C-alpha cells in the first residue's frame, strides 16, 4: 500500500538514487549537494520546515515532491514562500498518488506563498488552474535579445536562436521567418558593444563579483518599493541564489562600479549553459539590477559579458529587459530578438492574513531567477 510522509535524513541517499529516473541528465552524485543547497545552506530554512514528501511502498520510494523555502517581501513584511521542486512520480504510480503528493505540499500552514516553475505544458497548467494558481509570464515584454559572440559557430547559433533545439509548429512559422531575417542582418550589420563611458561621461568599470554585500541589496530598494509581493533581496538570499555551487550550469555575477568613488552602479547575473556536444553554448541572463536603468552601466556590463563569453567558448549572449529603459537599450544595441516566455505560478496561502493581502490586488513581481532545480 502506498503512503505519503515527510522527507527524513535517512531518505536523502535513496532519493538521490531515485531522482535520476525522472531526471535522466543527472546522477546520484549530483543530487546530494543539491539537497544541501535547498535546505542546509538556505538562509530561509529551519528544521521545522518540511524538506518535501515521498511516496513510499513498503520501503521503496515511488515519488517525490521537493519543498524549498524562499524569503519573500509581502507588503513590506518578510514572509516565507514555498517553492515546489523536482516533482516526480514513478510511471507505475502516476495519477492520484501524484495529486496526493501535491496536496501535501499545499497543506502547509506556515508559508505565505506557493511557487511553481513551469513550461508551456497544458496538463500542468490545468492542474495549477484547478488549485487557483495565478500564471505569470516572464519577462513582461516576452522578448529576448541576442548578440552573436562567435560568428564562426553557425550550426550552434542556428540551433539555439532559430529553432531553440526543437522544430517549429505551423503556427510559429511567421515568428521563425522573422528570426531568419534578424540572423542574416546580424551577420552583416551587428556592431560591437563598447562600454566604459566617453571622455565627458561618467566612467564605469565592470568586473567579476564573488560576494554580494549591503550595497547590492540597497541597489534594489527603488524597485522593491514598486512591488507588493517580491523575493527578498537581502545579502544572504542574494549570495544563496547567485553563488551556491550545486547546479548544472556555471553562474557568474558581473558588477559595475563608478571609477571616481568605487560605488556600485549595477550588476548582471549570467548562466554559462553548455550543450551536450560541447560545440559551444550561451551566456544566459538570469538577473540584473541597474541603478536608474543607466545606459552607460548597461553598456559596461554587456561589453564585459561579451568578453567573458569569448573566453568561455559561448557563441551567443542572451538577455531580456526588466524596464522600458533597458528595453530601449537592448532594442537599439542588439540586432537579433525573438519572442520568448518563462512561466511562473503563484498561489497565496489560505490564511486570513494572506487572503486580506491578496484582496488588495497585489502587484506581484516575480524574478526570472529561481531556486535551483
Protein backbone atom coordinates (compact mmCIF):
# COMPACT_ATOMS: atom_id res chain seq x y z
CA UNK A 1 0.00 0.00 0.00
CA UNK A 2 1.24 3.46 -0.94
CA UNK A 3 1.78 6.02 1.81
CA UNK A 4 3.00 9.64 1.86
CA UNK A 5 5.32 11.04 4.51
CA UNK A 6 7.78 13.88 5.03
CA UNK A 7 11.38 13.52 3.90
CA UNK A 8 13.75 12.44 6.69
CA UNK A 9 17.54 12.35 6.90
CA UNK A 10 17.53 8.61 6.15
CA UNK A 11 15.78 9.29 2.80
CA UNK A 12 18.45 11.53 1.24
CA UNK A 13 20.66 8.82 -0.26
CA UNK A 14 17.68 6.71 -1.52
CA UNK A 15 16.21 9.92 -3.01
CA UNK A 16 19.49 10.67 -4.78
CA UNK A 17 19.28 7.17 -6.31
CA UNK A 18 15.59 7.55 -7.25
CA UNK A 19 15.52 11.00 -8.86
CA UNK A 20 17.80 10.27 -11.87
CA UNK A 21 14.97 8.02 -13.11
CA UNK A 22 12.85 11.15 -13.60
CA UNK A 23 15.72 13.47 -14.49
CA UNK A 24 18.00 11.28 -16.64
CA UNK A 25 20.58 14.00 -17.26
CA UNK A 26 21.52 13.77 -13.56
CA UNK A 27 23.33 11.23 -11.40
CA UNK A 28 23.20 10.22 -7.74
CA UNK A 29 26.30 12.34 -7.10
CA UNK A 30 24.50 15.43 -8.43
CA UNK A 31 21.58 15.32 -6.00
CA UNK A 32 23.24 15.20 -2.58
CA UNK A 33 24.98 18.61 -2.92
CA UNK A 34 21.73 19.99 -4.34
CA UNK A 35 19.80 18.82 -1.27
CA UNK A 36 22.33 20.68 0.87
CA UNK A 37 21.78 23.81 -1.23
CA UNK A 38 17.99 23.56 -0.97
CA UNK A 39 17.97 23.18 2.80
CA UNK A 40 21.18 23.17 4.86
CA UNK A 41 22.76 26.26 3.25
CA UNK A 42 19.44 28.01 2.56
CA UNK A 43 19.08 31.14 4.77
CA UNK A 44 15.28 30.68 4.82
CA UNK A 45 15.38 27.07 6.02
CA UNK A 46 14.72 25.85 9.57
CA UNK A 47 14.25 22.35 10.99
CA UNK A 48 10.50 22.97 11.31
CA UNK A 49 10.16 23.40 7.54
CA UNK A 50 9.33 20.18 5.61
CA UNK A 51 12.02 19.33 3.06
CA UNK A 52 9.44 17.63 0.90
CA UNK A 53 7.35 14.47 0.76
CA UNK A 54 7.94 11.00 -0.61
CA UNK A 55 5.53 8.42 -1.94
CA UNK A 56 6.53 5.09 -0.44
CA UNK A 57 5.50 1.46 -0.93
CA UNK A 58 7.00 -0.92 1.60
CA UNK A 59 10.48 0.61 1.87
CA UNK A 60 10.76 1.70 -1.77
CA UNK A 61 10.41 5.31 -2.97
CA UNK A 62 7.91 5.76 -5.82
CA UNK A 63 7.53 9.53 -5.83
CA UNK A 64 8.89 12.81 -4.51
CA UNK A 65 7.99 16.49 -4.36
CA UNK A 66 10.60 18.96 -3.08
CA UNK A 67 9.80 21.92 -0.83
CA UNK A 68 12.25 24.84 -0.79
CA UNK A 69 11.73 27.87 1.47
CA UNK A 70 12.42 31.30 -0.06
CA UNK A 71 12.32 34.67 1.67
CA UNK A 72 9.69 36.96 0.13
CA UNK A 73 8.57 40.50 0.92
CA UNK A 74 4.77 40.84 1.01
CA UNK A 75 3.61 44.41 1.58
CA UNK A 76 6.98 45.17 3.16
CA UNK A 77 6.94 42.28 5.63
CA UNK A 78 9.34 39.35 5.44
CA UNK A 79 7.47 36.10 4.72
CA UNK A 80 8.33 32.58 3.63
CA UNK A 81 7.34 31.22 0.24
CA UNK A 82 7.46 27.50 -0.57
CA UNK A 83 8.91 26.65 -3.98
CA UNK A 84 7.74 23.32 -5.37
CA UNK A 85 10.65 21.47 -6.92
CA UNK A 86 11.59 18.24 -8.73
CA UNK A 87 8.11 16.70 -8.59
CA UNK A 88 8.43 13.17 -9.97
CA UNK A 89 6.36 10.02 -9.58
CA UNK A 90 7.29 6.61 -10.96
CA UNK A 91 5.13 5.75 -14.03
CA UNK A 92 3.68 2.77 -12.15
CA UNK A 93 2.23 5.12 -9.51
CA UNK A 94 1.17 8.15 -11.55
CA UNK A 95 -2.33 9.60 -11.35
CA UNK A 96 -4.00 10.00 -7.96
CA UNK A 97 -0.73 9.40 -6.00
CA UNK A 98 0.83 12.38 -7.84
CA UNK A 99 -2.04 14.62 -6.75
CA UNK A 100 -1.80 13.32 -3.18
CA UNK A 101 1.85 14.44 -3.11
CA UNK A 102 0.88 17.87 -4.45
CA UNK A 103 -1.88 18.18 -1.85
CA UNK A 104 0.65 17.56 0.93
CA UNK A 105 2.70 20.46 -0.43
CA UNK A 106 -0.37 22.75 -0.39
CA UNK A 107 -1.41 21.78 3.16
CA UNK A 108 1.43 23.78 4.69
CA UNK A 109 0.25 26.34 7.24
CA UNK A 110 3.48 28.25 7.94
CA UNK A 111 4.05 29.62 4.44
CA UNK A 112 2.50 32.69 2.84
CA UNK A 113 3.05 31.90 -0.81
CA UNK A 114 3.30 28.81 -3.01
CA UNK A 115 5.60 28.97 -6.06
CA UNK A 116 5.74 26.72 -9.11
CA UNK A 117 8.02 26.99 -12.12
CA UNK A 118 6.58 25.50 -15.30
CA UNK A 119 6.81 25.45 -19.04
CA UNK A 120 4.16 25.69 -21.74
CA UNK A 121 2.55 22.42 -20.62
CA UNK A 122 -1.26 22.29 -20.84
CA UNK A 123 -1.50 19.34 -18.43
CA UNK A 124 0.43 21.19 -15.70
CA UNK A 125 -1.44 24.41 -16.43
CA UNK A 126 -4.79 22.66 -15.98
CA UNK A 127 -3.72 21.20 -12.62
CA UNK A 128 -2.45 24.55 -11.35
CA UNK A 129 -5.55 26.37 -12.58
CA UNK A 130 -7.77 23.98 -10.59
CA UNK A 131 -5.72 24.81 -7.49
CA UNK A 132 -6.15 28.56 -8.14
CA UNK A 133 -2.55 29.36 -9.02
CA UNK A 134 -2.02 32.65 -10.86
CA UNK A 135 0.03 32.46 -14.05
CA UNK A 136 2.81 34.99 -14.65
CA UNK A 137 4.75 35.07 -17.92
CA UNK A 138 8.32 36.44 -17.84
CA UNK A 139 9.82 38.67 -18.99
CA UNK A 140 7.00 41.21 -19.22
CA UNK A 141 7.87 42.09 -22.81
CA UNK A 142 8.08 38.35 -23.64
CA UNK A 143 11.18 39.06 -25.72
CA UNK A 144 14.82 38.01 -25.63
CA UNK A 145 17.64 39.97 -27.24
CA UNK A 146 20.57 38.03 -28.68
CA UNK A 147 24.14 39.04 -29.55
CA UNK A 148 26.48 36.87 -31.64
CA UNK A 149 29.80 36.46 -29.85
CA UNK A 150 31.40 33.98 -32.26
CA UNK A 151 30.06 34.13 -35.85
CA UNK A 152 32.06 31.06 -36.87
CA UNK A 153 29.82 28.71 -34.87
CA UNK A 154 26.99 28.85 -37.38
CA UNK A 155 25.47 25.44 -36.57
CA UNK A 156 25.18 26.15 -32.83
CA UNK A 157 23.79 29.65 -33.46
CA UNK A 158 21.10 28.31 -35.79
CA UNK A 159 20.11 25.57 -33.34
CA UNK A 160 19.94 27.93 -30.37
CA UNK A 161 18.48 31.10 -31.87
CA UNK A 162 16.34 29.90 -34.77
CA UNK A 163 14.78 26.66 -33.60
CA UNK A 164 15.78 26.56 -29.91
CA UNK A 165 16.67 22.87 -30.38
CA UNK A 166 13.14 21.89 -31.48
CA UNK A 167 11.14 22.01 -34.70
CA UNK A 168 8.67 24.90 -35.02
CA UNK A 169 4.93 24.36 -35.11
CA UNK A 170 2.92 25.57 -38.10
CA UNK A 171 1.54 28.47 -36.05
CA UNK A 172 5.09 29.61 -35.28
CA UNK A 173 6.34 29.89 -38.86
CA UNK A 174 5.91 33.69 -39.01
CA UNK A 175 7.95 34.09 -35.82
CA UNK A 176 10.69 31.85 -37.22
CA UNK A 177 10.77 33.71 -40.53
CA UNK A 178 11.42 36.92 -38.57
CA UNK A 179 14.24 35.20 -36.72
CA UNK A 180 15.87 34.27 -40.03
CA UNK A 181 15.78 37.93 -41.03
CA UNK A 182 17.29 39.06 -37.71
CA UNK A 183 20.03 36.43 -38.00
CA UNK A 184 21.04 37.45 -41.53
CA UNK A 185 21.00 41.12 -40.55
CA UNK A 186 23.20 40.41 -37.51
CA UNK A 187 25.82 38.61 -39.59
CA UNK A 188 26.00 41.63 -41.89
CA UNK A 189 25.48 44.62 -39.62
CA UNK A 190 25.92 43.72 -35.93
CA UNK A 191 28.03 46.40 -34.20
CA UNK A 192 30.41 45.91 -31.27
CA UNK A 193 29.21 46.90 -27.80
CA UNK A 194 31.54 49.46 -26.25
CA UNK A 195 31.37 50.14 -22.53
CA UNK A 196 33.16 52.31 -20.01
CA UNK A 197 31.91 55.83 -20.77
CA UNK A 198 33.09 58.56 -23.12
CA UNK A 199 35.53 61.46 -22.45
CA UNK A 200 32.81 63.71 -20.97
CA UNK A 201 30.79 60.96 -19.29
CA UNK A 202 30.89 59.07 -16.02
CA UNK A 203 33.49 56.30 -16.25
CA UNK A 204 32.30 52.81 -15.27
CA UNK A 205 34.38 49.69 -14.69
CA UNK A 206 32.93 46.17 -14.73
CA UNK A 207 34.47 43.09 -13.15
CA UNK A 208 33.61 39.64 -11.80
CA UNK A 209 32.00 39.53 -8.37
CA UNK A 210 32.38 36.79 -5.73
CA UNK A 211 30.17 38.15 -2.93
CA UNK A 212 27.10 40.38 -2.54
CA UNK A 213 27.15 42.88 0.35
CA UNK A 214 24.67 45.52 1.55
CA UNK A 215 25.39 47.69 -1.50
CA UNK A 216 23.75 45.06 -3.72
CA UNK A 217 20.65 44.99 -1.52
CA UNK A 218 20.36 48.79 -1.41
CA UNK A 219 20.53 48.90 -5.18
CA UNK A 220 17.19 47.06 -5.20
CA UNK A 221 15.33 49.46 -2.88
CA UNK A 222 13.70 51.63 -5.61
CA UNK A 223 12.45 48.52 -7.42
CA UNK A 224 11.17 46.75 -4.31
CA UNK A 225 9.11 49.81 -3.41
CA UNK A 226 7.05 49.35 -6.58
CA UNK A 227 6.09 45.75 -5.74
CA UNK A 228 3.65 44.42 -3.15
CA UNK A 229 4.97 40.86 -3.43
CA UNK A 230 8.53 40.02 -4.47
CA UNK A 231 11.56 37.95 -3.49
CA UNK A 232 13.74 39.36 -0.72
CA UNK A 233 17.00 40.90 -1.89
CA UNK A 234 18.87 40.70 1.42
CA UNK A 235 22.58 39.78 1.07
CA UNK A 236 22.16 36.22 2.42
CA UNK A 237 19.40 35.42 -0.09
CA UNK A 238 21.35 37.00 -2.97
CA UNK A 239 24.51 35.02 -2.16
CA UNK A 240 22.47 31.82 -1.86
CA UNK A 241 20.85 32.38 -5.26
CA UNK A 242 23.98 33.54 -7.07
CA UNK A 243 26.97 31.70 -5.62
CA UNK A 244 25.77 28.27 -4.47
CA UNK A 245 27.91 25.72 -6.29
CA UNK A 246 25.49 22.78 -6.63
CA UNK A 247 23.98 23.48 -10.03
CA UNK A 248 24.24 22.13 -13.56
CA UNK A 249 25.46 25.39 -15.12
CA UNK A 250 28.22 27.76 -14.11
CA UNK A 251 26.77 31.01 -12.74
CA UNK A 252 28.72 34.29 -12.86
CA UNK A 253 27.98 37.72 -11.40
CA UNK A 254 29.33 40.83 -13.14
CA UNK A 255 29.43 44.05 -11.11
CA UNK A 256 29.82 47.62 -12.34
CA UNK A 257 31.37 50.41 -10.24
CA UNK A 258 31.90 54.12 -10.80
CA UNK A 259 35.55 54.84 -11.40
CA UNK A 260 35.59 58.07 -9.33
CA UNK A 261 34.38 56.64 -5.99
CA UNK A 262 34.10 52.84 -6.50
CA UNK A 263 30.37 52.83 -5.63
CA UNK A 264 28.19 50.09 -7.10
CA UNK A 265 26.11 51.19 -10.10
CA UNK A 266 24.62 47.87 -11.22
CA UNK A 267 25.18 44.19 -11.83
CA UNK A 268 24.12 41.27 -14.02
CA UNK A 269 23.94 37.53 -13.32
CA UNK A 270 24.54 35.04 -16.15
CA UNK A 271 24.44 31.27 -16.51
CA UNK A 272 27.02 29.71 -18.83
CA UNK A 273 24.90 26.99 -20.42
CA UNK A 274 26.80 24.31 -22.31
CA UNK A 275 25.46 21.86 -24.87
CA UNK A 276 25.83 18.07 -24.69
CA UNK A 277 28.05 18.09 -27.78
CA UNK A 278 30.35 20.78 -26.30
CA UNK A 279 30.24 22.79 -29.54
CA UNK A 280 29.55 25.96 -27.58
CA UNK A 281 26.60 27.17 -25.59
CA UNK A 282 25.28 30.52 -24.47
CA UNK A 283 25.56 33.24 -21.87
CA UNK A 284 22.00 33.48 -20.48
CA UNK A 285 20.94 36.47 -18.35
CA UNK A 286 19.29 35.33 -15.10
CA UNK A 287 19.02 38.51 -13.01
CA UNK A 288 20.06 42.15 -13.04
CA UNK A 289 19.73 45.43 -11.20
CA UNK A 290 20.86 48.69 -12.82
CA UNK A 291 20.75 51.95 -10.90
CA UNK A 292 18.35 54.33 -12.68
CA UNK A 293 18.46 51.92 -15.66
CA UNK A 294 21.54 53.85 -16.82
CA UNK A 295 22.52 53.01 -20.42
CA UNK A 296 26.23 53.53 -19.73
CA UNK A 297 26.12 50.99 -16.93
CA UNK A 298 24.27 48.59 -19.21
CA UNK A 299 26.92 49.09 -21.91
CA UNK A 300 29.78 48.44 -19.48
CA UNK A 301 28.20 45.25 -18.12
CA UNK A 302 27.14 43.96 -21.56
CA UNK A 303 30.59 44.60 -23.04
CA UNK A 304 32.22 42.70 -20.17
CA UNK A 305 29.73 39.82 -20.57
CA UNK A 306 30.59 39.51 -24.27
CA UNK A 307 34.31 39.30 -23.48
CA UNK A 308 33.60 36.70 -20.82
CA UNK A 309 31.57 34.74 -23.36
CA UNK A 310 34.53 34.73 -25.73
CA UNK A 311 36.80 33.37 -23.00
CA UNK A 312 34.28 30.59 -22.24
CA UNK A 313 33.60 29.49 -25.81
CA UNK A 314 29.98 30.76 -25.78
CA UNK A 315 28.82 31.86 -29.25
CA UNK A 316 25.71 33.73 -28.03
CA UNK A 317 24.76 36.25 -25.35
CA UNK A 318 21.03 36.22 -24.48
CA UNK A 319 19.40 38.95 -22.39
CA UNK A 320 15.94 40.34 -21.58
CA UNK A 321 14.65 43.70 -20.37
CA UNK A 322 13.18 44.47 -16.94
CA UNK A 323 12.07 48.05 -17.64
CA UNK A 324 11.15 50.32 -20.59
CA UNK A 325 14.63 51.90 -20.35
CA UNK A 326 16.51 48.60 -20.55
CA UNK A 327 14.15 47.54 -23.36
CA UNK A 328 15.13 50.67 -25.31
CA UNK A 329 18.83 49.99 -24.77
CA UNK A 330 18.73 46.33 -25.84
CA UNK A 331 16.49 47.08 -28.82
CA UNK A 332 18.94 49.71 -30.10
CA UNK A 333 22.07 47.67 -29.32
CA UNK A 334 21.15 44.07 -30.21
CA UNK A 335 20.29 43.20 -33.80
CA UNK A 336 18.54 39.91 -33.01
CA UNK A 337 15.40 39.39 -30.94
CA UNK A 338 12.79 36.68 -30.51
CA UNK A 339 9.56 36.00 -28.66
CA UNK A 340 10.19 34.00 -25.52
CA UNK A 341 8.18 33.03 -22.44
CA UNK A 342 9.03 31.68 -18.99
CA UNK A 343 6.10 30.54 -16.86
CA UNK A 344 5.81 31.13 -13.11
CA UNK A 345 2.78 30.24 -10.97
CA UNK A 346 1.81 31.76 -7.62
CA UNK A 347 -0.82 30.96 -5.04
CA UNK A 348 -1.33 32.89 -1.82
CA UNK A 349 -1.89 30.95 1.39
CA UNK A 350 -5.48 30.41 2.55
CA UNK A 351 -4.81 32.03 5.94
CA UNK A 352 -7.00 35.05 6.75
CA UNK A 353 -3.96 37.34 6.76
CA UNK A 354 -2.90 36.33 3.27
CA UNK A 355 -6.47 36.46 1.95
CA UNK A 356 -6.78 40.09 3.04
CA UNK A 357 -3.44 40.96 1.41
CA UNK A 358 -4.41 39.21 -1.81
CA UNK A 359 -7.70 41.12 -1.84
CA UNK A 360 -5.66 44.31 -2.13
CA UNK A 361 -4.83 43.18 -5.67
CA UNK A 362 -1.11 42.73 -5.00
CA UNK A 363 1.39 43.79 -7.61
CA UNK A 364 3.36 40.53 -7.80
CA UNK A 365 6.91 40.96 -9.17
CA UNK A 366 8.47 37.56 -9.75
CA UNK A 367 12.16 37.18 -10.58
CA UNK A 368 13.46 35.30 -13.58
CA UNK A 369 15.95 33.57 -11.29
CA UNK A 370 14.56 30.62 -9.32
CA UNK A 371 15.79 28.21 -6.64
CA UNK A 372 17.99 25.59 -8.33
CA UNK A 373 16.08 22.66 -9.80
